Amino acid sequence: MDAAFSAVVRTSEELSLVVLEEACSARRLPSFALVERGWIGLQLRGPFPFSLTGVLASFLQPLADAKISIFAISTFDTDYVLIKRENLPQALMALKAAGHEKIGEETA
């Protein structure tokens, strides 16, 4: 993900901000903010036709089978799957074993 990557999700009960870790210094955050560091992003670059089903599931199932927690964010054309950095080697092996190609290029 490039330096401009961010995501904002707001509901009537909460506000979630996802930003690159480098952009998240303690001086810039309110004292009440909950922060979880150490995530890395994997990108499923589209666009994927809306009629195509199971794209994200085909990526997530091998990670679930390998007991790797994820946080998924989607835009109109692209899906992003965030995993903990320490799980990257295991995640890449699981994805390659499931037949995914072009695995291994770090995106965050």
C-alpha atoms as a PDB file:
ATOM      1  CA  MET A   1       0.000   0.000   0.000  1.00  0.00           C
ATOM      2  CA  ASP A   2       1.334   3.406  -0.793  1.00  0.00           C
ATOM      3  CA  ALA A   3       1.914   6.213   1.697  1.00  0.00           C
ATOM      4  CA  ALA A   4      -1.526   7.669   1.013  1.00  0.00           C
ATOM      5  CA  PHE A   5      -3.381   4.520   2.142  1.00  0.00           C
ATOM      6  CA  SER A   6      -6.095   5.110   4.706  1.00  0.00           C
ATOM      7  CA  ALA A   7      -9.595   3.904   5.437  1.00  0.00           C
ATOM      8  CA  VAL A   8     -12.390   5.513   7.414  1.00  0.00           C
ATOM      9  CA  VAL A   9     -15.447   3.571   8.561  1.00  0.00           C
ATOM     10  CA  ARG A  10     -18.141   5.262  10.570  1.00  0.00           C
ATOM     11  CA  THR A  11     -21.326   3.895  12.071  1.00  0.00           C
ATOM     12  CA  SER A  12     -23.713   5.464  14.551  1.00  0.00           C
ATOM     13  CA  GLU A  13     -21.695   3.799  17.340  1.00  0.00           C
ATOM     14  CA  GLU A  14     -18.065   3.937  16.293  1.00  0.00           C
ATOM     15  CA  LEU A  15     -15.401   5.440  14.094  1.00  0.00           C
ATOM     16  CA  SER A  16     -12.492   3.365  12.786  1.00  0.00           C
ATOM     17  CA  LEU A  17      -9.444   4.847  11.107  1.00  0.00           C
ATOM     18  CA  VAL A  18      -6.843   2.713   9.377  1.00  0.00           C
ATOM     19  CA  VAL A  19      -3.601   4.482   8.519  1.00  0.00           C
ATOM     20  CA  LEU A  20      -0.032   3.482   7.888  1.00  0.00           C
ATOM     21  CA  GLU A  21       1.842   2.967  11.126  1.00  0.00           C
ATOM     22  CA  GLU A  22       4.373   5.675  10.245  1.00  0.00           C
ATOM     23  CA  ALA A  23       1.522   8.197  10.142  1.00  0.00           C
ATOM     24  CA  CYS A  24       0.316   7.215  13.606  1.00  0.00           C
ATOM     25  CA  SER A  25       2.546   8.974  16.117  1.00  0.00           C
ATOM     26  CA  ALA A  26       1.441   9.362  19.734  1.00  0.00           C
ATOM     27  CA  ARG A  27       1.484  13.147  19.354  1.00  0.00           C
ATOM     28  CA  ARG A  28      -1.175  12.989  16.641  1.00  0.00           C
ATOM     29  CA  LEU A  29      -3.624  10.703  18.440  1.00  0.00           C
ATOM     30  CA  PRO A  30      -6.154  11.607  21.094  1.00  0.00           C
ATOM     31  CA  SER A  31      -5.423   9.994  24.468  1.00  0.00           C
ATOM     32  CA  PHE A  32      -8.585   7.863  24.282  1.00  0.00           C
ATOM     33  CA  ALA A  33      -7.709   6.293  20.894  1.00  0.00           C
ATOM     34  CA  LEU A  34      -7.274   2.528  20.777  1.00  0.00           C
ATOM     35  CA  VAL A  35      -4.331   1.621  18.552  1.00  0.00           C
ATOM     36  CA  GLU A  36      -3.164  -1.754  17.320  1.00  0.00           C
ATOM     37  CA  ARG A  37       0.167  -1.805  15.545  1.00  0.00           C
ATOM     38  CA  GLY A  38       2.090  -4.422  13.605  1.00  0.00           C
ATOM     39  CA  TRP A  39      -0.218  -5.031  10.640  1.00  0.00           C
ATOM     40  CA  ILE A  40       0.860  -5.476   7.028  1.00  0.00           C
ATOM     41  CA  GLY A  41      -1.355  -5.286   3.952  1.00  0.00           C
ATOM     42  CA  LEU A  42      -1.788  -7.751   1.117  1.00  0.00           C
ATOM     43  CA  GLN A  43      -3.529  -6.391  -1.957  1.00  0.00           C
ATOM     44  CA  LEU A  44      -5.941  -8.237  -4.234  1.00  0.00           C
ATOM     45  CA  ARG A  45      -5.770  -5.930  -7.200  1.00  0.00           C
ATOM     46  CA  GLY A  46      -8.915  -5.721  -9.317  1.00  0.00           C
ATOM     47  CA  PRO A  47     -11.140  -4.703 -10.744  1.00  0.00           C
ATOM     48  CA  PHE A  48     -13.138  -7.877 -10.295  1.00  0.00           C
ATOM     49  CA  PRO A  49     -16.515  -8.087 -12.015  1.00  0.00           C
ATOM     50  CA  PHE A  50     -19.369  -7.967  -9.502  1.00  0.00           C
ATOM     51  CA  SER A  51     -20.710 -11.158 -11.067  1.00  0.00           C
ATOM     52  CA  LEU A  52     -17.515 -12.989 -10.032  1.00  0.00           C
ATOM     53  CA  THR A  53     -18.147 -14.618  -6.668  1.00  0.00           C
ATOM     54  CA  GLY A  54     -15.738 -15.970  -4.062  1.00  0.00           C
ATOM     55  CA  VAL A  55     -12.658 -13.898  -4.902  1.00  0.00           C
ATOM     56  CA  LEU A  56     -12.075 -12.661  -1.375  1.00  0.00           C
ATOM     57  CA  ALA A  57     -13.203 -15.985   0.126  1.00  0.00           C
ATOM     58  CA  SER A  58     -10.617 -17.864  -1.957  1.00  0.00           C
ATOM     59  CA  PHE A  59      -7.943 -15.665  -0.415  1.00  0.00           C
ATOM     60  CA  LEU A  60      -9.285 -15.739   3.136  1.00  0.00           C
ATOM     61  CA  GLN A  61      -9.985 -19.472   3.437  1.00  0.00           C
ATOM     62  CA  PRO A  62      -6.306 -20.546   3.287  1.00  0.00           C
ATOM     63  CA  LEU A  63      -5.511 -17.914   5.918  1.00  0.00           C
ATOM     64  CA  ALA A  64      -8.351 -19.137   8.147  1.00  0.00           C
ATOM     65  CA  ASP A  65      -7.170 -22.739   7.693  1.00  0.00           C
ATOM     66  CA  ALA A  66      -3.690 -21.594   8.797  1.00  0.00           C
ATOM     67  CA  LYS A  67      -5.268 -19.873  11.844  1.00  0.00           C
ATOM     68  CA  ILE A  68      -4.180 -16.405  10.681  1.00  0.00           C
ATOM     69  CA  SER A  69      -6.446 -13.560  11.765  1.00  0.00           C
ATOM     70  CA  ILE A  70      -7.257 -10.929   9.178  1.00  0.00           C
ATOM     71  CA  PHE A  71      -8.788  -7.493   8.834  1.00  0.00           C
ATOM     72  CA  ALA A  72     -10.300  -6.929   5.376  1.00  0.00           C
ATOM     73  CA  ILE A  73     -10.940  -3.583   3.702  1.00  0.00           C
ATOM     74  CA  SER A  74     -12.436  -3.214   0.246  1.00  0.00           C
ATOM     75  CA  THR A  75     -12.704  -0.395  -2.257  1.00  0.00           C
ATOM     76  CA  PHE A  76     -14.647  -0.458  -5.509  1.00  0.00           C
ATOM     77  CA  ASP A  77     -11.810  -2.156  -7.422  1.00  0.00           C
ATOM     78  CA  THR A  78      -9.469  -3.636  -4.828  1.00  0.00           C
ATOM     79  CA  ASP A  79      -9.539  -5.763  -1.682  1.00  0.00           C
ATOM     80  CA  TYR A  80      -6.925  -5.374   1.049  1.00  0.00           C
ATOM     81  CA  VAL A  81      -6.264  -8.065   3.625  1.00  0.00           C
ATOM     82  CA  LEU A  82      -4.334  -6.950   6.676  1.00  0.00           C
ATOM     83  CA  ILE A  83      -2.500  -9.545   8.757  1.00  0.00           C
ATOM     84  CA  LYS A  84      -0.072  -9.277  11.642  1.00  0.00           C
ATOM     85  CA  ARG A  85       3.468  -8.803  10.328  1.00  0.00           C
ATOM     86  CA  GLU A  86       4.788 -11.817  12.267  1.00  0.00           C
ATOM     87  CA  ASN A  87       2.316 -14.035  10.374  1.00  0.00           C
ATOM     88  CA  LEU A  88       3.523 -12.979   6.924  1.00  0.00           C
ATOM     89  CA  PRO A  89       5.781 -15.979   6.163  1.00  0.00           C
ATOM     90  CA  GLN A  90       3.075 -18.462   7.208  1.00  0.00           C
ATOM     91  CA  ALA A  91       0.416 -16.519   5.265  1.00  0.00           C
ATOM     92  CA  LEU A  92       2.489 -16.468   2.084  1.00  0.00           C
ATOM     93  CA  MET A  93       3.073 -20.215   2.294  1.00  0.00           C
ATOM     94  CA  ALA A  94      -0.653 -20.879   2.822  1.00  0.00           C
ATOM     95  CA  LEU A  95      -1.630 -18.644  -0.098  1.00  0.00           C
ATOM     96  CA  LYS A  96       0.938 -20.195  -2.453  1.00  0.00           C
ATOM     97  CA  ALA A  97      -0.210 -23.698  -1.460  1.00  0.00           C
ATOM     98  CA  ALA A  98      -3.784 -22.633  -2.325  1.00  0.00           C
ATOM     99  CA  GLY A  99      -2.668 -21.653  -5.828  1.00  0.00           C
ATOM    100  CA  HIS A 100      -2.477 -17.883  -5.520  1.00  0.00           C
ATOM    101  CA  GLU A 101       0.097 -16.237  -7.782  1.00  0.00           C
ATOM    102  CA  LYS A 102       2.297 -13.168  -7.384  1.00  0.00           C
ATOM    103  CA  ILE A 103       2.451 -13.723  -3.642  1.00  0.00           C
ATOM    104  CA  GLY A 104       5.264 -12.209  -1.687  1.00  0.00           C
ATOM    105  CA  GLU A 105       5.361  -8.583  -2.743  1.00  0.00           C
ATOM    106  CA  GLU A 106       5.005  -6.584   0.433  1.00  0.00           C
ATOM    107  CA  THR A 107       2.421  -3.830   0.114  1.00  0.00           C
ATOM    108  CA  ALA A 108       2.602  -2.030   3.450  1.00  0.00           C
END
